[in-house]
Amino acid sequence: MSNIIRYGAINTKIKAMQGHFLNKEQYNKLLSANSFAECIRILKEETHYNEALEGIPAESIRRGQFEIILKRYHIQKLYKLSHYFNGEYKRLIKILFMRYEIEDIKVIIRAKFVGRSREEIEEMLAFKNPLTTVDYDYLLSSNSAEEVIERLKGSVYYKHTKYFQAKISNEGLFRLENNLDFTYYITLRKFIKKLDKTDRKIISDITGFEADLLNITAIYRGKKYYNISPEELFNYAIYDNYKLKSDILKKLCYAKSVDEYYDLLKDLPYSQIIPMKNNSDFLIEAYERASFKKFLDSYMRASNLDISMVISYFNLLHIEIKNIVSIVENKRYNAENTEMIKFLTTAL
């Protein structure tokens, strides 16, 4: 199949959808809103999110419910785009969906760990749809986090989670979640060998860039908050070898302190991701989003007849939703806008 046939229609569709992304004026309106309800009203009346929020009174939406609504809206977009593909490319979309399915699996495991009810957990799940590969009902009927892992047997996730069944703890959850992320990247890396050379290179570069960002932040948090050994950090790193080759990752993992980690990081391409010493840790996510957005924007501007626009659009929508949720969090706690403006300015 020629790329004109494969990508002509879907790229035209994505170009139109790209025009719906929030602009700076809309972000500023959300930042200036006096309440959570006013944020919802702006989104309903002045943005494309009216499609997701239609028929729901702003006053009746709870913050947790709001985030789930946006996540479900996000995944509906991916499912609709999947109809443009067939064969191996339809399978590719299903594998790309794994990263969102993993988020729900993490929610189920964490919720079971702290003893939440099935009803509570179901309200927290966002991504169940026809692309799902696991039996949500089966997982939800588990009596413990350990049983959830046991019930992943037969799925692609079990191989990378089974070792954690006997040692679930807060630190264990951190390790487990890193391994689930690893499952996505290793599955995608194996699959893209079946695609044509151009698409294989694009997917490898985009996911490699994202994997580098995840490695940078995971190593940082593992050292600063969990005291995880260098050996474990290195074992759980995602070896996509985009900019962070395995020898560089090893040096970062084996840094003897957070200060030494800073010193190593400042000479690397992603030094801007971790705020150095005097800055707030909460900005890490903003710097991460900003770096990834800038990287993806270059693909969107190029508008090539390849897989780049599909993957870039979907990731950019994901980033936008995260930005909106960050603003809403700010309104929920009636926090000062100064830090949020700094966060959003960094993340946009």
C-alpha atoms as a PDB file:
ATOM      1  CA  MET A   1       0.000   0.000   0.000  1.00  0.00           C
ATOM      2  CA  SER A   2       1.388   3.432  -0.920  1.00  0.00           C
ATOM      3  CA  ASN A   3       1.817   6.075   1.779  1.00  0.00           C
ATOM      4  CA  ILE A   4      -0.504   8.412  -0.119  1.00  0.00           C
ATOM      5  CA  ILE A   5      -3.293   5.874   0.260  1.00  0.00           C
ATOM      6  CA  ARG A   6      -2.369   4.917   3.825  1.00  0.00           C
ATOM      7  CA  TYR A   7      -1.833   8.430   5.208  1.00  0.00           C
ATOM      8  CA  GLY A   8      -3.564  10.905   2.887  1.00  0.00           C
ATOM      9  CA  ALA A   9      -7.002  10.786   4.513  1.00  0.00           C
ATOM     10  CA  ILE A  10      -5.852  10.396   8.099  1.00  0.00           C
ATOM     11  CA  ASN A  11      -3.306  13.228   7.862  1.00  0.00           C
ATOM     12  CA  THR A  12      -6.023  15.529   6.529  1.00  0.00           C
ATOM     13  CA  LYS A  13      -8.216  14.522   9.473  1.00  0.00           C
ATOM     14  CA  ILE A  14      -5.385  15.116  11.952  1.00  0.00           C
ATOM     15  CA  LYS A  15      -4.631  18.547  10.478  1.00  0.00           C
ATOM     16  CA  ALA A  16      -8.234  19.539  11.178  1.00  0.00           C
ATOM     17  CA  MET A  17      -8.078  18.077  14.710  1.00  0.00           C
ATOM     18  CA  GLN A  18      -4.762  19.838  15.353  1.00  0.00           C
ATOM     19  CA  GLY A  19      -6.547  23.145  14.801  1.00  0.00           C
ATOM     20  CA  HIS A  20      -8.638  22.400  17.903  1.00  0.00           C
ATOM     21  CA  PHE A  21      -5.681  22.420  20.296  1.00  0.00           C
ATOM     22  CA  LEU A  22      -5.951  25.117  22.953  1.00  0.00           C
ATOM     23  CA  ASN A  23      -4.211  28.382  22.122  1.00  0.00           C
ATOM     24  CA  LYS A  24      -2.441  30.699  24.575  1.00  0.00           C
ATOM     25  CA  GLU A  25      -5.508  32.903  24.980  1.00  0.00           C
ATOM     26  CA  GLN A  26      -7.588  29.899  26.017  1.00  0.00           C
ATOM     27  CA  TYR A  27      -4.898  28.740  28.445  1.00  0.00           C
ATOM     28  CA  ASN A  28      -4.788  32.239  29.937  1.00  0.00           C
ATOM     29  CA  LYS A  29      -8.572  32.205  30.394  1.00  0.00           C
ATOM     30  CA  LEU A  30      -8.336  28.916  32.260  1.00  0.00           C
ATOM     31  CA  LEU A  31      -5.509  30.253  34.427  1.00  0.00           C
ATOM     32  CA  SER A  32      -7.540  33.387  35.214  1.00  0.00           C
ATOM     33  CA  ALA A  33     -10.703  31.466  36.087  1.00  0.00           C
ATOM     34  CA  ASN A  34     -11.894  31.968  39.651  1.00  0.00           C
ATOM     35  CA  SER A  35     -13.022  28.412  40.263  1.00  0.00           C
ATOM     36  CA  PHE A  36     -13.074  24.838  39.058  1.00  0.00           C
ATOM     37  CA  ALA A  37     -16.628  25.313  37.768  1.00  0.00           C
ATOM     38  CA  GLU A  38     -15.561  28.333  35.716  1.00  0.00           C
ATOM     39  CA  CYS A  39     -12.773  26.252  34.144  1.00  0.00           C
ATOM     40  CA  ILE A  40     -15.368  23.656  33.136  1.00  0.00           C
ATOM     41  CA  ARG A  41     -17.616  26.354  31.671  1.00  0.00           C
ATOM     42  CA  ILE A  42     -14.755  27.745  29.549  1.00  0.00           C
ATOM     43  CA  LEU A  43     -13.864  24.274  28.294  1.00  0.00           C
ATOM     44  CA  LYS A  44     -17.514  23.515  27.475  1.00  0.00           C
ATOM     45  CA  GLU A  45     -18.308  26.805  25.746  1.00  0.00           C
ATOM     46  CA  GLU A  46     -15.044  27.780  24.068  1.00  0.00           C
ATOM     47  CA  THR A  47     -13.015  24.632  23.263  1.00  0.00           C
ATOM     48  CA  HIS A  48     -13.264  21.265  21.536  1.00  0.00           C
ATOM     49  CA  TYR A  49     -13.751  19.646  24.953  1.00  0.00           C
ATOM     50  CA  ASN A  50     -17.432  20.521  24.682  1.00  0.00           C
ATOM     51  CA  GLU A  51     -17.644  17.165  22.878  1.00  0.00           C
ATOM     52  CA  ALA A  52     -16.472  15.359  26.033  1.00  0.00           C
ATOM     53  CA  LEU A  53     -18.399  17.499  28.538  1.00  0.00           C
ATOM     54  CA  GLU A  54     -21.667  17.926  26.644  1.00  0.00           C
ATOM     55  CA  GLY A  55     -24.741  17.364  28.769  1.00  0.00           C
ATOM     56  CA  ILE A  56     -22.845  17.392  32.080  1.00  0.00           C
ATOM     57  CA  PRO A  57     -23.568  20.425  34.315  1.00  0.00           C
ATOM     58  CA  ALA A  58     -20.313  22.110  35.358  1.00  0.00           C
ATOM     59  CA  GLU A  59     -21.441  22.245  38.983  1.00  0.00           C
ATOM     60  CA  SER A  60     -21.958  18.481  39.174  1.00  0.00           C
ATOM     61  CA  ILE A  61     -18.520  17.394  37.912  1.00  0.00           C
ATOM     62  CA  ARG A  62     -16.073  16.296  40.589  1.00  0.00           C
ATOM     63  CA  ARG A  63     -12.336  16.795  39.990  1.00  0.00           C
ATOM     64  CA  GLY A  64     -11.563  13.056  39.848  1.00  0.00           C
ATOM     65  CA  GLN A  65     -14.489  12.483  37.511  1.00  0.00           C
ATOM     66  CA  PHE A  66     -13.318  15.350  35.311  1.00  0.00           C
ATOM     67  CA  GLU A  67      -9.881  13.812  34.768  1.00  0.00           C
ATOM     68  CA  ILE A  68     -11.428  10.457  33.865  1.00  0.00           C
ATOM     69  CA  ILE A  69     -13.783  12.149  31.370  1.00  0.00           C
ATOM     70  CA  LEU A  70     -10.813  13.752  29.610  1.00  0.00           C
ATOM     71  CA  LYS A  71      -8.818  10.532  29.581  1.00  0.00           C
ATOM     72  CA  ARG A  72     -11.752   8.619  28.092  1.00  0.00           C
ATOM     73  CA  TYR A  73     -12.167  11.346  25.484  1.00  0.00           C
ATOM     74  CA  HIS A  74      -8.476  11.003  24.657  1.00  0.00           C
ATOM     75  CA  ILE A  75      -8.686   7.255  24.135  1.00  0.00           C
ATOM     76  CA  GLN A  76     -11.850   7.580  22.021  1.00  0.00           C
ATOM     77  CA  LYS A  77      -9.786   9.671  19.607  1.00  0.00           C
ATOM     78  CA  LEU A  78      -7.206   6.899  19.283  1.00  0.00           C
ATOM     79  CA  TYR A  79      -9.906   4.291  18.734  1.00  0.00           C
ATOM     80  CA  LYS A  80     -11.507   6.387  15.995  1.00  0.00           C
ATOM     81  CA  LEU A  81      -8.146   6.872  14.281  1.00  0.00           C
ATOM     82  CA  SER A  82      -7.572   3.102  14.357  1.00  0.00           C
ATOM     83  CA  HIS A  83     -10.378   2.701  11.789  1.00  0.00           C
ATOM     84  CA  TYR A  84      -8.141   4.307   9.162  1.00  0.00           C
ATOM     85  CA  PHE A  85      -5.719   1.368   9.332  1.00  0.00           C
ATOM     86  CA  ASN A  86      -5.704  -2.327   8.638  1.00  0.00           C
ATOM     87  CA  GLY A  87      -3.301  -5.255   8.874  1.00  0.00           C
ATOM     88  CA  GLU A  88      -0.055  -4.653  10.739  1.00  0.00           C
ATOM     89  CA  TYR A  89      -0.836  -0.956  11.172  1.00  0.00           C
ATOM     90  CA  LYS A  90      -4.079  -1.729  12.968  1.00  0.00           C
ATOM     91  CA  ARG A  91      -2.068  -3.990  15.269  1.00  0.00           C
ATOM     92  CA  LEU A  92       0.361  -1.120  15.783  1.00  0.00           C
ATOM     93  CA  ILE A  93      -2.445   1.111  17.094  1.00  0.00           C
ATOM     94  CA  LYS A  94      -3.418  -1.647  19.530  1.00  0.00           C
ATOM     95  CA  ILE A  95       0.170  -1.838  20.810  1.00  0.00           C
ATOM     96  CA  LEU A  96       0.349   1.967  21.120  1.00  0.00           C
ATOM     97  CA  PHE A  97      -2.786   1.690  23.257  1.00  0.00           C
ATOM     98  CA  MET A  98      -0.925  -0.582  25.703  1.00  0.00           C
ATOM     99  CA  ARG A  99       0.664   2.425  27.414  1.00  0.00           C
ATOM    100  CA  TYR A 100      -2.820   3.635  28.435  1.00  0.00           C
ATOM    101  CA  GLU A 101      -4.018   0.171  29.397  1.00  0.00           C
ATOM    102  CA  ILE A 102      -0.952  -0.015  31.647  1.00  0.00           C
ATOM    103  CA  GLU A 103      -2.160   3.122  33.452  1.00  0.00           C
ATOM    104  CA  ASP A 104      -5.407   1.342  34.322  1.00  0.00           C
ATOM    105  CA  ILE A 105      -3.535  -1.771  35.460  1.00  0.00           C
ATOM    106  CA  LYS A 106      -1.440   0.449  37.749  1.00  0.00           C
ATOM    107  CA  VAL A 107      -4.628   2.002  39.143  1.00  0.00           C
ATOM    108  CA  ILE A 108      -6.131  -1.433  39.872  1.00  0.00           C
ATOM    109  CA  ILE A 109      -2.977  -2.735  41.577  1.00  0.00           C
ATOM    110  CA  ARG A 110      -2.468   0.413  43.675  1.00  0.00           C
ATOM    111  CA  ALA A 111      -6.149   0.550  44.640  1.00  0.00           C
ATOM    112  CA  LYS A 112      -6.160  -3.093  45.703  1.00  0.00           C
ATOM    113  CA  PHE A 113      -2.972  -2.442  47.681  1.00  0.00           C
ATOM    114  CA  VAL A 114      -4.699   0.253  49.774  1.00  0.00           C
ATOM    115  CA  GLY A 115      -7.997  -1.650  50.024  1.00  0.00           C
ATOM    116  CA  ARG A 116     -10.339   0.353  47.784  1.00  0.00           C
ATOM    117  CA  SER A 117     -13.674  -1.188  46.818  1.00  0.00           C
ATOM    118  CA  ARG A 118     -14.442  -2.418  43.325  1.00  0.00           C
ATOM    119  CA  GLU A 119     -16.940   0.429  42.849  1.00  0.00           C
ATOM    120  CA  GLU A 120     -14.317   3.029  43.770  1.00  0.00           C
ATOM    121  CA  ILE A 121     -11.781   1.491  41.402  1.00  0.00           C
ATOM    122  CA  GLU A 122     -14.205   1.337  38.474  1.00  0.00           C
ATOM    123  CA  GLU A 123     -14.747   5.088  38.763  1.00  0.00           C
ATOM    124  CA  MET A 124     -10.990   5.605  38.474  1.00  0.00           C
ATOM    125  CA  LEU A 125     -10.505   3.576  35.280  1.00  0.00           C
ATOM    126  CA  ALA A 126     -10.239   5.524  32.051  1.00  0.00           C
ATOM    127  CA  PHE A 127      -9.105   3.427  29.137  1.00  0.00           C
ATOM    128  CA  LYS A 128     -11.316   0.351  28.816  1.00  0.00           C
ATOM    129  CA  ASN A 129     -12.471   0.080  25.198  1.00  0.00           C
ATOM    130  CA  PRO A 130     -12.369  -2.369  22.230  1.00  0.00           C
ATOM    131  CA  LEU A 131      -8.552  -2.054  22.063  1.00  0.00           C
ATOM    132  CA  THR A 132      -8.189  -3.503  25.581  1.00  0.00           C
ATOM    133  CA  THR A 133      -6.193  -6.747  25.867  1.00  0.00           C
ATOM    134  CA  VAL A 134      -6.873  -7.722  29.507  1.00  0.00           C
ATOM    135  CA  ASP A 135     -10.082  -8.778  31.253  1.00  0.00           C
ATOM    136  CA  TYR A 136     -10.915  -5.809  33.490  1.00  0.00           C
ATOM    137  CA  ASP A 137     -13.721  -7.644  35.314  1.00  0.00           C
ATOM    138  CA  TYR A 138     -11.398 -10.527  36.155  1.00  0.00           C
ATOM    139  CA  LEU A 139      -8.749  -8.174  37.534  1.00  0.00           C
ATOM    140  CA  LEU A 140     -11.301  -6.138  39.499  1.00  0.00           C
ATOM    141  CA  SER A 141     -12.658  -9.231  41.238  1.00  0.00           C
ATOM    142  CA  SER A 142      -9.198  -9.882  42.757  1.00  0.00           C
ATOM    143  CA  ASN A 143      -8.916  -9.700  46.542  1.00  0.00           C
ATOM    144  CA  SER A 144      -5.421  -8.207  46.656  1.00  0.00           C
ATOM    145  CA  ALA A 145      -2.712  -6.512  44.610  1.00  0.00           C
ATOM    146  CA  GLU A 146      -0.824  -9.809  44.531  1.00  0.00           C
ATOM    147  CA  GLU A 147      -3.865 -11.571  43.078  1.00  0.00           C
ATOM    148  CA  VAL A 148      -4.183  -8.920  40.360  1.00  0.00           C
ATOM    149  CA  ILE A 149      -0.644  -9.767  39.268  1.00  0.00           C
ATOM    150  CA  GLU A 150      -1.422 -13.494  39.312  1.00  0.00           C
ATOM    151  CA  ARG A 151      -4.454 -12.841  37.114  1.00  0.00           C
ATOM    152  CA  LEU A 152      -2.285 -11.101  34.528  1.00  0.00           C
ATOM    153  CA  LYS A 153      -0.977 -14.579  33.695  1.00  0.00           C
ATOM    154  CA  GLY A 154      -1.449 -15.211  29.985  1.00  0.00           C
ATOM    155  CA  SER A 155      -1.011 -11.528  29.128  1.00  0.00           C
ATOM    156  CA  VAL A 156       2.108  -9.789  27.860  1.00  0.00           C
ATOM    157  CA  TYR A 157       2.393  -8.088  31.263  1.00  0.00           C
ATOM    158  CA  TYR A 158       2.816 -11.167  33.454  1.00  0.00           C
ATOM    159  CA  LYS A 159       6.424 -11.915  32.528  1.00  0.00           C
ATOM    160  CA  HIS A 160       7.479  -8.491  33.796  1.00  0.00           C
ATOM    161  CA  THR A 161       5.318  -8.400  36.949  1.00  0.00           C
ATOM    162  CA  LYS A 162       5.305 -11.938  38.383  1.00  0.00           C
ATOM    163  CA  TYR A 163       8.461 -11.363  40.446  1.00  0.00           C
ATOM    164  CA  PHE A 164       6.671  -8.716  42.528  1.00  0.00           C
ATOM    165  CA  GLN A 165       3.830 -10.894  43.823  1.00  0.00           C
ATOM    166  CA  ALA A 166       5.524 -11.743  47.099  1.00  0.00           C
ATOM    167  CA  LYS A 167       6.862  -8.284  47.923  1.00  0.00           C
ATOM    168  CA  ILE A 168       4.257  -5.609  47.228  1.00  0.00           C
ATOM    169  CA  SER A 169       5.077  -2.422  49.150  1.00  0.00           C
ATOM    170  CA  ASN A 170       5.295   1.281  48.334  1.00  0.00           C
ATOM    171  CA  GLU A 171       8.796   0.789  46.987  1.00  0.00           C
ATOM    172  CA  GLY A 172       7.679  -2.430  45.319  1.00  0.00           C
ATOM    173  CA  LEU A 173       4.922  -0.534  43.550  1.00  0.00           C
ATOM    174  CA  PHE A 174       7.474   1.925  42.176  1.00  0.00           C
ATOM    175  CA  ARG A 175       9.514  -0.986  40.802  1.00  0.00           C
ATOM    176  CA  LEU A 176       6.426  -2.748  39.482  1.00  0.00           C
ATOM    177  CA  GLU A 177       5.177   0.335  37.641  1.00  0.00           C
ATOM    178  CA  ASN A 178       8.572   0.840  36.021  1.00  0.00           C
ATOM    179  CA  ASN A 179       8.469  -2.756  34.824  1.00  0.00           C
ATOM    180  CA  LEU A 180       5.000  -2.291  33.358  1.00  0.00           C
ATOM    181  CA  ASP A 181       6.304   0.707  31.403  1.00  0.00           C
ATOM    182  CA  PHE A 182       9.201  -1.463  30.248  1.00  0.00           C
ATOM    183  CA  THR A 183       6.689  -4.032  28.920  1.00  0.00           C
ATOM    184  CA  TYR A 184       5.208  -1.439  26.579  1.00  0.00           C
ATOM    185  CA  TYR A 185       8.537  -0.344  25.161  1.00  0.00           C
ATOM    186  CA  ILE A 186       9.926  -3.836  24.645  1.00  0.00           C
ATOM    187  CA  THR A 187       6.686  -4.994  22.962  1.00  0.00           C
ATOM    188  CA  LEU A 188       6.657  -1.987  20.638  1.00  0.00           C
ATOM    189  CA  ARG A 189      10.348  -2.352  19.832  1.00  0.00           C
ATOM    190  CA  LYS A 190       9.830  -5.958  18.727  1.00  0.00           C
ATOM    191  CA  PHE A 191       6.735  -5.174  16.691  1.00  0.00           C
ATOM    192  CA  ILE A 192       8.012  -2.227  14.640  1.00  0.00           C
ATOM    193  CA  LYS A 193      10.500  -4.508  12.896  1.00  0.00           C
ATOM    194  CA  LYS A 194       7.507  -5.536  10.767  1.00  0.00           C
ATOM    195  CA  LEU A 195       6.896  -1.982   9.491  1.00  0.00           C
ATOM    196  CA  ASP A 196       8.533  -0.175   6.592  1.00  0.00           C
ATOM    197  CA  LYS A 197      11.889   1.477   7.188  1.00  0.00           C
ATOM    198  CA  THR A 198      10.616   5.078   7.416  1.00  0.00           C
ATOM    199  CA  ASP A 199       7.847   4.356   9.901  1.00  0.00           C
ATOM    200  CA  ARG A 200      10.128   2.099  11.919  1.00  0.00           C
ATOM    201  CA  LYS A 201      12.670   4.929  12.278  1.00  0.00           C
ATOM    202  CA  ILE A 202       9.993   7.494  13.263  1.00  0.00           C
ATOM    203  CA  ILE A 203       8.443   5.283  15.931  1.00  0.00           C
ATOM    204  CA  SER A 204      11.860   4.315  17.227  1.00  0.00           C
ATOM    205  CA  ASP A 205      12.895   7.978  17.544  1.00  0.00           C
ATOM    206  CA  ILE A 206       9.665   9.186  19.186  1.00  0.00           C
ATOM    207  CA  THR A 207       9.435   6.331  21.673  1.00  0.00           C
ATOM    208  CA  GLY A 208      13.196   6.480  22.246  1.00  0.00           C
ATOM    209  CA  PHE A 209      12.977  10.172  23.139  1.00  0.00           C
ATOM    210  CA  GLU A 210      10.095   9.464  25.495  1.00  0.00           C
ATOM    211  CA  ALA A 211      11.944   6.511  27.035  1.00  0.00           C
ATOM    212  CA  ASP A 212      14.948   8.750  27.675  1.00  0.00           C
ATOM    213  CA  LEU A 213      12.691  11.180  29.557  1.00  0.00           C
ATOM    214  CA  LEU A 214      11.204   8.372  31.628  1.00  0.00           C
ATOM    215  CA  ASN A 215      14.664   7.027  32.465  1.00  0.00           C
ATOM    216  CA  ILE A 216      15.923  10.447  33.560  1.00  0.00           C
ATOM    217  CA  THR A 217      13.000  11.008  35.946  1.00  0.00           C
ATOM    218  CA  ALA A 218      12.744   7.394  37.171  1.00  0.00           C
ATOM    219  CA  ILE A 219      16.430   7.270  38.114  1.00  0.00           C
ATOM    220  CA  TYR A 220      16.140  10.640  39.857  1.00  0.00           C
ATOM    221  CA  ARG A 221      13.083   9.607  41.892  1.00  0.00           C
ATOM    222  CA  GLY A 222      14.503   6.172  42.603  1.00  0.00           C
ATOM    223  CA  LYS A 223      17.606   7.759  44.113  1.00  0.00           C
ATOM    224  CA  LYS A 224      15.984  10.676  45.913  1.00  0.00           C
ATOM    225  CA  TYR A 225      12.845   9.094  47.351  1.00  0.00           C
ATOM    226  CA  TYR A 226      13.207   5.293  47.351  1.00  0.00           C
ATOM    227  CA  ASN A 227      16.918   4.623  47.886  1.00  0.00           C
ATOM    228  CA  ILE A 228      16.827   1.976  45.174  1.00  0.00           C
ATOM    229  CA  SER A 229      20.153   0.309  44.478  1.00  0.00           C
ATOM    230  CA  PRO A 230      22.099   1.210  41.306  1.00  0.00           C
ATOM    231  CA  GLU A 231      21.785  -2.393  40.115  1.00  0.00           C
ATOM    232  CA  GLU A 232      18.002  -2.293  40.307  1.00  0.00           C
ATOM    233  CA  LEU A 233      17.778   1.127  38.675  1.00  0.00           C
ATOM    234  CA  PHE A 234      19.887  -0.081  35.783  1.00  0.00           C
ATOM    235  CA  ASN A 235      17.919  -3.321  35.438  1.00  0.00           C
ATOM    236  CA  TYR A 236      14.645  -1.385  35.226  1.00  0.00           C
ATOM    237  CA  ALA A 237      15.915   1.220  32.761  1.00  0.00           C
ATOM    238  CA  ILE A 238      14.371   1.242  29.278  1.00  0.00           C
ATOM    239  CA  TYR A 239      17.160   0.500  26.843  1.00  0.00           C
ATOM    240  CA  ASP A 240      15.966   2.285  23.732  1.00  0.00           C
ATOM    241  CA  ASN A 241      19.378   3.869  23.150  1.00  0.00           C
ATOM    242  CA  TYR A 242      18.076   7.073  21.586  1.00  0.00           C
ATOM    243  CA  LYS A 243      20.352   9.661  23.187  1.00  0.00           C
ATOM    244  CA  LEU A 244      21.039   7.837  26.454  1.00  0.00           C
ATOM    245  CA  LYS A 245      23.156   4.846  25.491  1.00  0.00           C
ATOM    246  CA  SER A 246      23.498   2.028  28.017  1.00  0.00           C
ATOM    247  CA  ASP A 247      26.909   3.235  29.249  1.00  0.00           C
ATOM    248  CA  ILE A 248      25.452   6.684  30.030  1.00  0.00           C
ATOM    249  CA  LEU A 249      22.419   5.160  31.767  1.00  0.00           C
ATOM    250  CA  LYS A 250      24.735   3.022  33.852  1.00  0.00           C
ATOM    251  CA  LYS A 251      26.719   6.061  35.004  1.00  0.00           C
ATOM    252  CA  LEU A 252      23.489   7.832  36.011  1.00  0.00           C
ATOM    253  CA  CYS A 253      22.244   4.774  37.903  1.00  0.00           C
ATOM    254  CA  TYR A 254      25.538   4.327  39.734  1.00  0.00           C
ATOM    255  CA  ALA A 255      25.879   7.971  40.792  1.00  0.00           C
ATOM    256  CA  LYS A 256      26.649   7.873  44.527  1.00  0.00           C
ATOM    257  CA  SER A 257      24.328  10.769  45.402  1.00  0.00           C
ATOM    258  CA  VAL A 258      21.701  13.063  43.933  1.00  0.00           C
ATOM    259  CA  ASP A 259      24.361  15.784  43.709  1.00  0.00           C
ATOM    260  CA  GLU A 260      26.593  13.507  41.647  1.00  0.00           C
ATOM    261  CA  TYR A 261      23.562  12.683  39.502  1.00  0.00           C
ATOM    262  CA  TYR A 262      23.098  16.423  38.860  1.00  0.00           C
ATOM    263  CA  ASP A 263      26.746  16.762  37.881  1.00  0.00           C
ATOM    264  CA  LEU A 264      26.465  13.932  35.348  1.00  0.00           C
ATOM    265  CA  LEU A 265      23.143  15.180  33.983  1.00  0.00           C
ATOM    266  CA  LYS A 266      24.263  18.727  33.233  1.00  0.00           C
ATOM    267  CA  ASP A 267      26.446  17.508  30.357  1.00  0.00           C
ATOM    268  CA  LEU A 268      23.653  15.469  28.733  1.00  0.00           C
ATOM    269  CA  PRO A 269      20.999  16.494  26.139  1.00  0.00           C
ATOM    270  CA  TYR A 270      18.216  16.337  28.767  1.00  0.00           C
ATOM    271  CA  SER A 271      19.835  18.439  31.481  1.00  0.00           C
ATOM    272  CA  GLN A 272      16.833  20.810  31.477  1.00  0.00           C
ATOM    273  CA  ILE A 273      14.445  18.064  32.655  1.00  0.00           C
ATOM    274  CA  ILE A 274      15.552  17.882  36.284  1.00  0.00           C
ATOM    275  CA  PRO A 275      15.466  21.280  38.043  1.00  0.00           C
ATOM    276  CA  MET A 276      18.899  21.735  39.521  1.00  0.00           C
ATOM    277  CA  LYS A 277      19.040  21.789  43.321  1.00  0.00           C
ATOM    278  CA  ASN A 278      17.220  25.015  44.130  1.00  0.00           C
ATOM    279  CA  ASN A 279      14.127  24.509  41.968  1.00  0.00           C
ATOM    280  CA  SER A 280      10.900  22.722  42.816  1.00  0.00           C
ATOM    281  CA  ASP A 281      10.559  19.050  41.980  1.00  0.00           C
ATOM    282  CA  PHE A 282       7.029  19.705  40.730  1.00  0.00           C
ATOM    283  CA  LEU A 283       8.557  21.388  37.675  1.00  0.00           C
ATOM    284  CA  ILE A 284      10.116  18.109  36.523  1.00  0.00           C
ATOM    285  CA  GLU A 285       6.870  17.075  34.850  1.00  0.00           C
ATOM    286  CA  ALA A 286       6.541  20.492  33.206  1.00  0.00           C
ATOM    287  CA  TYR A 287      10.049  20.344  31.760  1.00  0.00           C
ATOM    288  CA  GLU A 288       9.384  16.792  30.613  1.00  0.00           C
ATOM    289  CA  ARG A 289       6.179  17.804  28.836  1.00  0.00           C
ATOM    290  CA  ALA A 290       7.812  20.862  27.264  1.00  0.00           C
ATOM    291  CA  SER A 291      10.720  18.852  25.867  1.00  0.00           C
ATOM    292  CA  PHE A 292       8.452  16.169  24.440  1.00  0.00           C
ATOM    293  CA  LYS A 293       6.037  18.743  22.991  1.00  0.00           C
ATOM    294  CA  LYS A 294       8.845  20.595  21.206  1.00  0.00           C
ATOM    295  CA  PHE A 295      10.099  17.299  19.786  1.00  0.00           C
ATOM    296  CA  LEU A 296       6.626  16.296  18.535  1.00  0.00           C
ATOM    297  CA  ASP A 297       5.798  19.746  17.124  1.00  0.00           C
ATOM    298  CA  SER A 298       8.613  19.356  14.598  1.00  0.00           C
ATOM    299  CA  TYR A 299       6.905  16.259  13.176  1.00  0.00           C
ATOM    300  CA  MET A 300       3.530  17.992  13.020  1.00  0.00           C
ATOM    301  CA  ARG A 301       4.989  20.946  11.122  1.00  0.00           C
ATOM    302  CA  ALA A 302       6.634  18.638   8.587  1.00  0.00           C
ATOM    303  CA  SER A 303       3.253  17.009   7.702  1.00  0.00           C
ATOM    304  CA  ASN A 304       4.935  14.051   6.032  1.00  0.00           C
ATOM    305  CA  LEU A 305       3.007  11.114   4.610  1.00  0.00           C
ATOM    306  CA  ASP A 306       4.117   8.679   7.261  1.00  0.00           C
ATOM    307  CA  ILE A 307       3.184   7.541  10.783  1.00  0.00           C
ATOM    308  CA  SER A 308       4.667  10.639  12.451  1.00  0.00           C
ATOM    309  CA  MET A 309       1.528  12.799  12.449  1.00  0.00           C
ATOM    310  CA  VAL A 310      -0.652  10.081  13.960  1.00  0.00           C
ATOM    311  CA  ILE A 311       1.705   9.402  16.853  1.00  0.00           C
ATOM    312  CA  SER A 312       2.583  13.067  17.371  1.00  0.00           C
ATOM    313  CA  TYR A 313      -1.047  14.208  17.436  1.00  0.00           C
ATOM    314  CA  PHE A 314      -2.043  11.619  19.968  1.00  0.00           C
ATOM    315  CA  ASN A 315       0.877  12.417  22.274  1.00  0.00           C
ATOM    316  CA  LEU A 316       0.242  16.160  21.968  1.00  0.00           C
ATOM    317  CA  LEU A 317      -3.399  15.665  22.939  1.00  0.00           C
ATOM    318  CA  HIS A 318      -2.182  13.675  25.941  1.00  0.00           C
ATOM    319  CA  ILE A 319       0.102  16.560  26.945  1.00  0.00           C
ATOM    320  CA  GLU A 320      -2.721  19.090  26.554  1.00  0.00           C
ATOM    321  CA  ILE A 321      -5.015  17.058  28.793  1.00  0.00           C
ATOM    322  CA  LYS A 322      -2.280  16.845  31.438  1.00  0.00           C
ATOM    323  CA  ASN A 323      -1.892  20.629  31.292  1.00  0.00           C
ATOM    324  CA  ILE A 324      -5.626  21.137  31.762  1.00  0.00           C
ATOM    325  CA  VAL A 325      -5.710  18.741  34.711  1.00  0.00           C
ATOM    326  CA  SER A 326      -2.803  20.649  36.295  1.00  0.00           C
ATOM    327  CA  ILE A 327      -4.768  23.909  36.036  1.00  0.00           C
ATOM    328  CA  VAL A 328      -7.852  22.287  37.552  1.00  0.00           C
ATOM    329  CA  GLU A 329      -5.774  20.917  40.434  1.00  0.00           C
ATOM    330  CA  ASN A 330      -4.633  24.473  41.091  1.00  0.00           C
ATOM    331  CA  LYS A 331      -8.242  25.694  41.236  1.00  0.00           C
ATOM    332  CA  ARG A 332      -9.274  22.809  43.444  1.00  0.00           C
ATOM    333  CA  TYR A 333      -6.835  23.807  46.149  1.00  0.00           C
ATOM    334  CA  ASN A 334      -7.332  27.550  45.618  1.00  0.00           C
ATOM    335  CA  ALA A 335      -3.580  27.868  45.124  1.00  0.00           C
ATOM    336  CA  GLU A 336      -1.897  31.040  43.931  1.00  0.00           C
ATOM    337  CA  ASN A 337      -1.541  31.265  40.163  1.00  0.00           C
ATOM    338  CA  THR A 338       2.138  32.240  40.294  1.00  0.00           C
ATOM    339  CA  GLU A 339       3.497  28.701  40.469  1.00  0.00           C
ATOM    340  CA  MET A 340       0.874  27.372  38.055  1.00  0.00           C
ATOM    341  CA  ILE A 341       1.718  30.062  35.485  1.00  0.00           C
ATOM    342  CA  LYS A 342       5.377  29.114  35.854  1.00  0.00           C
ATOM    343  CA  PHE A 343       4.445  25.457  35.392  1.00  0.00           C
ATOM    344  CA  LEU A 344       2.299  26.054  32.318  1.00  0.00           C
ATOM    345  CA  THR A 345       4.735  28.494  30.741  1.00  0.00           C
ATOM    346  CA  THR A 346       7.343  25.782  31.066  1.00  0.00           C
ATOM    347  CA  ALA A 347       5.066  23.048  29.805  1.00  0.00           C
ATOM    348  CA  LEU A 348       3.610  24.837  26.774  1.00  0.00           C
END
